[in-house]
Amino acid sequence: GEEDAKRRAANNAKLSEGERVYQDGDDLLMPRDTTAA
């Protein structure tokens, strides 16, 4: 879920060089609602 995604982003700093770095949004199951105010 969303809180887990924040943890994943924070742990990018702990990945070894060459590991795939997490980019927020690549993993969404449903697209964000871009029409919301």
All heavy atoms as atom14 arrays in JSON, in Angstrom:
{
  "sequence": "GEEDAKRRAANNAKLSEGERVYQDGDDLLMPRDTTAA",
  "atom14_mask": [
    [1, 1, 1, 1, 0, 0, 0, 0, 0, 0, 0, 0, 0, 0],
    [1, 1, 1, 1, 1, 1, 1, 1, 1, 0, 0, 0, 0, 0],
    [1, 1, 1, 1, 1, 1, 1, 1, 1, 0, 0, 0, 0, 0],
    [1, 1, 1, 1, 1, 1, 1, 1, 0, 0, 0, 0, 0, 0],
    [1, 1, 1, 1, 1, 0, 0, 0, 0, 0, 0, 0, 0, 0],
    [1, 1, 1, 1, 1, 1, 1, 1, 1, 0, 0, 0, 0, 0],
    [1, 1, 1, 1, 1, 1, 1, 1, 1, 1, 1, 0, 0, 0],
    [1, 1, 1, 1, 1, 1, 1, 1, 1, 1, 1, 0, 0, 0],
    [1, 1, 1, 1, 1, 0, 0, 0, 0, 0, 0, 0, 0, 0],
    [1, 1, 1, 1, 1, 0, 0, 0, 0, 0, 0, 0, 0, 0],
    [1, 1, 1, 1, 1, 1, 1, 1, 0, 0, 0, 0, 0, 0],
    [1, 1, 1, 1, 1, 1, 1, 1, 0, 0, 0, 0, 0, 0],
    [1, 1, 1, 1, 1, 0, 0, 0, 0, 0, 0, 0, 0, 0],
    [1, 1, 1, 1, 1, 1, 1, 1, 1, 0, 0, 0, 0, 0],
    [1, 1, 1, 1, 1, 1, 1, 1, 0, 0, 0, 0, 0, 0],
    [1, 1, 1, 1, 1, 1, 0, 0, 0, 0, 0, 0, 0, 0],
    [1, 1, 1, 1, 1, 1, 1, 1, 1, 0, 0, 0, 0, 0],
    [1, 1, 1, 1, 0, 0, 0, 0, 0, 0, 0, 0, 0, 0],
    [1, 1, 1, 1, 1, 1, 1, 1, 1, 0, 0, 0, 0, 0],
    [1, 1, 1, 1, 1, 1, 1, 1, 1, 1, 1, 0, 0, 0],
    [1, 1, 1, 1, 1, 1, 1, 0, 0, 0, 0, 0, 0, 0],
    [1, 1, 1, 1, 1, 1, 1, 1, 1, 1, 1, 1, 0, 0],
    [1, 1, 1, 1, 1, 1, 1, 1, 1, 0, 0, 0, 0, 0],
    [1, 1, 1, 1, 1, 1, 1, 1, 0, 0, 0, 0, 0, 0],
    [1, 1, 1, 1, 0, 0, 0, 0, 0, 0, 0, 0, 0, 0],
    [1, 1, 1, 1, 1, 1, 1, 1, 0, 0, 0, 0, 0, 0],
    [1, 1, 1, 1, 1, 1, 1, 1, 0, 0, 0, 0, 0, 0],
    [1, 1, 1, 1, 1, 1, 1, 1, 0, 0, 0, 0, 0, 0],
    [1, 1, 1, 1, 1, 1, 1, 1, 0, 0, 0, 0, 0, 0],
    [1, 1, 1, 1, 1, 1, 1, 1, 0, 0, 0, 0, 0, 0],
    [1, 1, 1, 1, 1, 1, 1, 0, 0, 0, 0, 0, 0, 0],
    [1, 1, 1, 1, 1, 1, 1, 1, 1, 1, 1, 0, 0, 0],
    [1, 1, 1, 1, 1, 1, 1, 1, 0, 0, 0, 0, 0, 0],
    [1, 1, 1, 1, 1, 1, 1, 0, 0, 0, 0, 0, 0, 0],
    [1, 1, 1, 1, 1, 1, 1, 0, 0, 0, 0, 0, 0, 0],
    [1, 1, 1, 1, 1, 0, 0, 0, 0, 0, 0, 0, 0, 0],
    [1, 1, 1, 1, 1, 0, 0, 0, 0, 0, 0, 0, 0, 0]
  ],
  "atom14_positions": [
    [[0.8, -1.22, 0.0], [0.0, 0.0, 0.0], [0.83, 1.27, 0.0], [2.05, 1.25, -0.21], [0.0, 0.0, 0.0], [0.0, 0.0, 0.0], [0.0, 0.0, 0.0], [0.0, 0.0, 0.0], [0.0, 0.0, 0.0], [0.0, 0.0, 0.0], [0.0, 0.0, 0.0], [0.0, 0.0, 0.0], [0.0, 0.0, 0.0], [0.0, 0.0, 0.0]],
    [[0.18, 2.39, 0.27], [0.81, 3.69, 0.14], [1.91, 3.93, 1.18], [2.98, 4.44, 0.86], [-0.25, 4.79, 0.23], [-1.25, 4.77, -0.93], [-0.55, 4.82, -2.27], [0.13, 5.83, -2.57], [-0.66, 3.83, -3.03], [0.0, 0.0, 0.0], [0.0, 0.0, 0.0], [0.0, 0.0, 0.0], [0.0, 0.0, 0.0], [0.0, 0.0, 0.0]],
    [[1.66, 3.57, 2.43], [2.69, 3.75, 3.44], [3.9, 2.87, 3.15], [5.04, 3.26, 3.41], [2.13, 3.45, 4.84], [1.12, 4.47, 5.33], [1.69, 5.88, 5.37], [2.83, 6.04, 5.88], [1.01, 6.8, 4.89], [0.0, 0.0, 0.0], [0.0, 0.0, 0.0], [0.0, 0.0, 0.0], [0.0, 0.0, 0.0], [0.0, 0.0, 0.0]],
    [[3.63, 1.69, 2.61], [4.73, 0.8, 2.24], [5.57, 1.39, 1.11], [6.79, 1.24, 1.07], [4.17, -0.57, 1.83], [3.22, -1.14, 2.86], [3.65, -1.27, 4.02], [2.08, -1.45, 2.51], [0.0, 0.0, 0.0], [0.0, 0.0, 0.0], [0.0, 0.0, 0.0], [0.0, 0.0, 0.0], [0.0, 0.0, 0.0], [0.0, 0.0, 0.0]],
    [[4.9, 2.07, 0.18], [5.62, 2.71, -0.93], [6.55, 3.8, -0.42], [7.66, 3.99, -0.94], [4.62, 3.27, -1.94], [0.0, 0.0, 0.0], [0.0, 0.0, 0.0], [0.0, 0.0, 0.0], [0.0, 0.0, 0.0], [0.0, 0.0, 0.0], [0.0, 0.0, 0.0], [0.0, 0.0, 0.0], [0.0, 0.0, 0.0], [0.0, 0.0, 0.0]],
    [[6.12, 4.54, 0.6], [6.99, 5.55, 1.19], [8.23, 4.91, 1.8], [9.35, 5.43, 1.69], [6.22, 6.33, 2.26], [5.08, 7.18, 1.71], [4.33, 7.86, 2.84], [3.12, 8.64, 2.32], [2.34, 9.26, 3.43], [0.0, 0.0, 0.0], [0.0, 0.0, 0.0], [0.0, 0.0, 0.0], [0.0, 0.0, 0.0], [0.0, 0.0, 0.0]],
    [[8.03, 3.77, 2.46], [9.16, 3.05, 3.04], [10.11, 2.57, 1.94], [11.33, 2.65, 2.07], [8.66, 1.86, 3.86], [9.77, 1.09, 4.57], [9.23, -0.12, 5.32], [8.27, 0.27, 6.34], [6.98, 0.01, 6.3], [6.47, -0.65, 5.27], [6.18, 0.4, 7.26], [0.0, 0.0, 0.0], [0.0, 0.0, 0.0], [0.0, 0.0, 0.0]],
    [[9.54, 2.1, 0.84], [10.37, 1.63, -0.26], [11.21, 2.76, -0.83], [12.41, 2.59, -1.11], [9.48, 1.04, -1.36], [10.26, 0.38, -2.47], [9.37, -0.19, -3.55], [10.17, -0.91, -4.53], [9.69, -1.38, -5.68], [8.41, -1.22, -5.99], [10.49, -2.03, -6.51], [0.0, 0.0, 0.0], [0.0, 0.0, 0.0], [0.0, 0.0, 0.0]],
    [[10.6, 3.94, -1.0], [11.35, 5.09, -1.53], [12.47, 5.49, -0.57], [13.6, 5.78, -1.0], [10.4, 6.26, -1.76], [0.0, 0.0, 0.0], [0.0, 0.0, 0.0], [0.0, 0.0, 0.0], [0.0, 0.0, 0.0], [0.0, 0.0, 0.0], [0.0, 0.0, 0.0], [0.0, 0.0, 0.0], [0.0, 0.0, 0.0], [0.0, 0.0, 0.0]],
    [[12.19, 5.47, 0.72], [13.2, 5.84, 1.71], [14.37, 4.87, 1.71], [15.52, 5.25, 1.99], [12.57, 5.91, 3.1], [0.0, 0.0, 0.0], [0.0, 0.0, 0.0], [0.0, 0.0, 0.0], [0.0, 0.0, 0.0], [0.0, 0.0, 0.0], [0.0, 0.0, 0.0], [0.0, 0.0, 0.0], [0.0, 0.0, 0.0], [0.0, 0.0, 0.0]],
    [[14.1, 3.6, 1.37], [15.15, 2.58, 1.4], [15.98, 2.53, 0.13], [16.89, 1.7, 0.02], [14.54, 1.2, 1.67], [14.2, 1.0, 3.14], [14.76, 1.67, 4.01], [13.29, 0.09, 3.43], [0.0, 0.0, 0.0], [0.0, 0.0, 0.0], [0.0, 0.0, 0.0], [0.0, 0.0, 0.0], [0.0, 0.0, 0.0], [0.0, 0.0, 0.0]],
    [[15.69, 3.4, -0.84], [16.56, 3.49, -2.02], [18.01, 3.74, -1.62], [18.94, 3.24, -2.26], [16.1, 4.62, -2.95], [15.03, 4.19, -3.93], [14.86, 3.01, -4.2], [14.31, 5.16, -4.49], [0.0, 0.0, 0.0], [0.0, 0.0, 0.0], [0.0, 0.0, 0.0], [0.0, 0.0, 0.0], [0.0, 0.0, 0.0], [0.0, 0.0, 0.0]],
    [[18.17, 4.51, -0.54], [19.52, 4.86, -0.09], [20.29, 3.66, 0.42], [21.53, 3.72, 0.54], [19.44, 5.93, 1.0], [0.0, 0.0, 0.0], [0.0, 0.0, 0.0], [0.0, 0.0, 0.0], [0.0, 0.0, 0.0], [0.0, 0.0, 0.0], [0.0, 0.0, 0.0], [0.0, 0.0, 0.0], [0.0, 0.0, 0.0], [0.0, 0.0, 0.0]],
    [[19.59, 2.55, 0.7], [20.25, 1.37, 1.23], [20.51, 0.3, 0.17], [20.97, -0.79, 0.49], [19.4, 0.77, 2.36], [19.21, 1.72, 3.54], [18.35, 1.11, 4.62], [18.14, 2.07, 5.78], [17.29, 1.49, 6.85], [0.0, 0.0, 0.0], [0.0, 0.0, 0.0], [0.0, 0.0, 0.0], [0.0, 0.0, 0.0], [0.0, 0.0, 0.0]],
    [[20.2, 0.61, -1.09], [20.42, -0.35, -2.17], [21.84, -0.26, -2.68], [22.41, 0.83, -2.83], [19.45, -0.09, -3.32], [17.95, -0.21, -3.01], [17.12, 0.12, -4.24], [17.62, -1.61, -2.49], [0.0, 0.0, 0.0], [0.0, 0.0, 0.0], [0.0, 0.0, 0.0], [0.0, 0.0, 0.0], [0.0, 0.0, 0.0], [0.0, 0.0, 0.0]],
    [[22.42, -1.4, -2.96], [23.78, -1.45, -3.51], [23.79, -0.84, -4.91], [22.79, -0.84, -5.63], [24.26, -2.9, -3.58], [25.51, -2.99, -4.21], [0.0, 0.0, 0.0], [0.0, 0.0, 0.0], [0.0, 0.0, 0.0], [0.0, 0.0, 0.0], [0.0, 0.0, 0.0], [0.0, 0.0, 0.0], [0.0, 0.0, 0.0], [0.0, 0.0, 0.0]],
    [[24.93, -0.34, -5.3], [25.09, 0.22, -6.64], [24.77, -0.86, -7.68], [25.24, -1.99, -7.58], [26.52, 0.73, -6.84], [26.75, 1.4, -8.17], [28.16, 1.94, -8.31], [28.91, 1.91, -7.31], [28.51, 2.39, -9.41], [0.0, 0.0, 0.0], [0.0, 0.0, 0.0], [0.0, 0.0, 0.0], [0.0, 0.0, 0.0], [0.0, 0.0, 0.0]],
    [[23.94, -0.52, -8.64], [23.54, -1.48, -9.66], [22.17, -2.08, -9.43], [21.58, -2.65, -10.35], [0.0, 0.0, 0.0], [0.0, 0.0, 0.0], [0.0, 0.0, 0.0], [0.0, 0.0, 0.0], [0.0, 0.0, 0.0], [0.0, 0.0, 0.0], [0.0, 0.0, 0.0], [0.0, 0.0, 0.0], [0.0, 0.0, 0.0], [0.0, 0.0, 0.0]],
    [[21.64, -1.98, -8.21], [20.29, -2.47, -7.94], [19.27, -1.5, -8.54], [19.53, -0.3, -8.66], [20.05, -2.61, -6.44], [20.91, -3.64, -5.75], [20.55, -5.06, -6.14], [19.38, -5.3, -6.51], [21.44, -5.92, -6.09], [0.0, 0.0, 0.0], [0.0, 0.0, 0.0], [0.0, 0.0, 0.0], [0.0, 0.0, 0.0], [0.0, 0.0, 0.0]],
    [[18.12, -2.02, -8.91], [17.09, -1.18, -9.51], [16.52, -0.23, -8.45], [16.0, -0.66, -7.43], [15.96, -2.03, -10.09], [14.88, -1.22, -10.8], [13.91, -2.13, -11.54], [13.1, -2.92, -10.62], [11.93, -2.52, -10.12], [11.45, -1.33, -10.45], [11.23, -3.29, -9.3], [0.0, 0.0, 0.0], [0.0, 0.0, 0.0], [0.0, 0.0, 0.0]],
    [[16.62, 1.07, -8.72], [16.14, 2.08, -7.8], [14.64, 2.28, -8.02], [14.16, 2.35, -9.15], [16.89, 3.41, -8.01], [16.31, 4.51, -7.11], [18.37, 3.23, -7.71], [0.0, 0.0, 0.0], [0.0, 0.0, 0.0], [0.0, 0.0, 0.0], [0.0, 0.0, 0.0], [0.0, 0.0, 0.0], [0.0, 0.0, 0.0], [0.0, 0.0, 0.0]],
    [[13.91, 2.38, -6.94], [12.45, 2.53, -7.0], [12.08, 3.94, -7.42], [12.61, 4.93, -6.9], [11.86, 2.21, -5.63], [10.4, 2.55, -5.49], [9.45, 1.94, -6.32], [9.96, 3.46, -4.54], [8.1, 2.23, -6.18], [8.61, 3.75, -4.39], [7.69, 3.14, -5.21], [6.36, 3.44, -5.08], [0.0, 0.0, 0.0], [0.0, 0.0, 0.0]],
    [[11.15, 4.04, -8.36], [10.6, 5.32, -8.77], [9.1, 5.31, -8.48], [8.36, 4.48, -9.0], [10.85, 5.57, -10.26], [12.32, 5.71, -10.6], [12.56, 6.01, -12.07], [11.63, 6.0, -12.87], [13.8, 6.3, -12.42], [0.0, 0.0, 0.0], [0.0, 0.0, 0.0], [0.0, 0.0, 0.0], [0.0, 0.0, 0.0], [0.0, 0.0, 0.0]],
    [[8.67, 6.24, -7.66], [7.27, 6.3, -7.24], [6.35, 6.4, -8.46], [6.57, 7.23, -9.35], [7.06, 7.5, -6.33], [5.64, 7.6, -5.81], [5.03, 6.54, -5.59], [5.16, 8.73, -5.64], [0.0, 0.0, 0.0], [0.0, 0.0, 0.0], [0.0, 0.0, 0.0], [0.0, 0.0, 0.0], [0.0, 0.0, 0.0], [0.0, 0.0, 0.0]],
    [[5.34, 5.55, -8.48], [4.36, 5.58, -9.57], [4.48, 4.4, -10.5], [3.5, 4.01, -11.14], [0.0, 0.0, 0.0], [0.0, 0.0, 0.0], [0.0, 0.0, 0.0], [0.0, 0.0, 0.0], [0.0, 0.0, 0.0], [0.0, 0.0, 0.0], [0.0, 0.0, 0.0], [0.0, 0.0, 0.0], [0.0, 0.0, 0.0], [0.0, 0.0, 0.0]],
    [[5.68, 3.82, -10.61], [5.88, 2.68, -11.5], [5.07, 1.46, -11.07], [4.81, 0.57, -11.88], [7.37, 2.29, -11.54], [8.21, 3.32, -12.29], [7.61, 4.23, -12.88], [9.44, 3.19, -12.26], [0.0, 0.0, 0.0], [0.0, 0.0, 0.0], [0.0, 0.0, 0.0], [0.0, 0.0, 0.0], [0.0, 0.0, 0.0], [0.0, 0.0, 0.0]],
    [[4.66, 1.43, -9.83], [4.06, 0.24, -9.26], [2.55, 0.38, -9.0], [1.94, -0.5, -8.4], [4.75, -0.09, -7.93], [4.79, 1.11, -6.98], [4.48, 2.23, -7.44], [5.16, 0.93, -5.8], [0.0, 0.0, 0.0], [0.0, 0.0, 0.0], [0.0, 0.0, 0.0], [0.0, 0.0, 0.0], [0.0, 0.0, 0.0], [0.0, 0.0, 0.0]],
    [[1.94, 1.47, -9.43], [0.53, 1.69, -9.15], [-0.35, 0.66, -9.83], [-0.18, 0.36, -11.01], [0.12, 3.09, -9.61], [0.58, 4.26, -8.73], [0.34, 5.59, -9.45], [-0.14, 4.25, -7.4], [0.0, 0.0, 0.0], [0.0, 0.0, 0.0], [0.0, 0.0, 0.0], [0.0, 0.0, 0.0], [0.0, 0.0, 0.0], [0.0, 0.0, 0.0]],
    [[-1.29, 0.11, -9.08], [-2.26, -0.81, -9.66], [-3.38, -0.07, -10.37], [-3.99, -0.59, -11.31], [-2.85, -1.71, -8.57], [-1.98, -2.89, -8.15], [-2.52, -3.52, -6.88], [-1.89, -3.92, -9.26], [0.0, 0.0, 0.0], [0.0, 0.0, 0.0], [0.0, 0.0, 0.0], [0.0, 0.0, 0.0], [0.0, 0.0, 0.0], [0.0, 0.0, 0.0]],
    [[-3.68, 1.12, -9.9], [-4.71, 1.95, -10.54], [-4.13, 3.32, -10.77], [-3.46, 3.88, -9.88], [-5.94, 2.03, -9.63], [-6.7, 0.72, -9.53], [-7.8, 0.63, -8.08], [-6.63, 0.28, -6.76], [0.0, 0.0, 0.0], [0.0, 0.0, 0.0], [0.0, 0.0, 0.0], [0.0, 0.0, 0.0], [0.0, 0.0, 0.0], [0.0, 0.0, 0.0]],
    [[-4.35, 3.9, -11.97], [-3.75, 5.24, -12.25], [-4.28, 6.28, -11.3], [-5.41, 6.2, -10.8], [-4.18, 5.5, -13.7], [-5.39, 4.65, -13.91], [-5.17, 3.42, -13.07], [0.0, 0.0, 0.0], [0.0, 0.0, 0.0], [0.0, 0.0, 0.0], [0.0, 0.0, 0.0], [0.0, 0.0, 0.0], [0.0, 0.0, 0.0], [0.0, 0.0, 0.0]],
    [[-3.42, 7.26, -10.99], [-3.86, 8.34, -10.13], [-4.96, 9.14, -10.8], [-5.02, 9.29, -12.01], [-2.66, 9.26, -9.82], [-1.64, 8.67, -8.88], [-0.69, 9.73, -8.4], [0.22, 9.25, -7.38], [1.48, 8.86, -7.64], [1.94, 8.92, -8.86], [2.24, 8.42, -6.66], [0.0, 0.0, 0.0], [0.0, 0.0, 0.0], [0.0, 0.0, 0.0]],
    [[-5.84, 9.66, -9.98], [-6.93, 10.49, -10.48], [-6.41, 11.9, -10.73], [-6.25, 12.71, -9.82], [-8.07, 10.54, -9.46], [-9.29, 11.29, -9.98], [-9.22, 11.81, -11.12], [-10.28, 11.39, -9.24], [0.0, 0.0, 0.0], [0.0, 0.0, 0.0], [0.0, 0.0, 0.0], [0.0, 0.0, 0.0], [0.0, 0.0, 0.0], [0.0, 0.0, 0.0]],
    [[-6.1, 12.17, -12.0], [-5.5, 13.47, -12.36], [-6.54, 14.58, -12.45], [-6.22, 15.73, -12.62], [-4.77, 13.37, -13.7], [-5.7, 12.92, -14.7], [-3.62, 12.38, -13.6], [0.0, 0.0, 0.0], [0.0, 0.0, 0.0], [0.0, 0.0, 0.0], [0.0, 0.0, 0.0], [0.0, 0.0, 0.0], [0.0, 0.0, 0.0], [0.0, 0.0, 0.0]],
    [[-7.84, 14.2, -12.34], [-8.9, 15.21, -12.45], [-9.25, 15.79, -11.09], [-9.99, 16.78, -11.02], [-10.16, 14.59, -13.07], [-10.67, 13.58, -12.17], [-9.85, 13.98, -14.41], [0.0, 0.0, 0.0], [0.0, 0.0, 0.0], [0.0, 0.0, 0.0], [0.0, 0.0, 0.0], [0.0, 0.0, 0.0], [0.0, 0.0, 0.0], [0.0, 0.0, 0.0]],
    [[-8.76, 15.18, -10.03], [-9.08, 15.69, -8.68], [-8.46, 17.04, -8.45], [-7.36, 17.34, -8.92], [-8.62, 14.71, -7.62], [0.0, 0.0, 0.0], [0.0, 0.0, 0.0], [0.0, 0.0, 0.0], [0.0, 0.0, 0.0], [0.0, 0.0, 0.0], [0.0, 0.0, 0.0], [0.0, 0.0, 0.0], [0.0, 0.0, 0.0], [0.0, 0.0, 0.0]],
    [[-9.17, 17.9, -7.74], [-8.67, 19.25, -7.48], [-7.5, 19.21, -6.54], [-7.41, 18.35, -5.67], [-9.8, 20.08, -6.87], [0.0, 0.0, 0.0], [0.0, 0.0, 0.0], [0.0, 0.0, 0.0], [0.0, 0.0, 0.0], [0.0, 0.0, 0.0], [0.0, 0.0, 0.0], [0.0, 0.0, 0.0], [0.0, 0.0, 0.0], [0.0, 0.0, 0.0]]
  ]
}
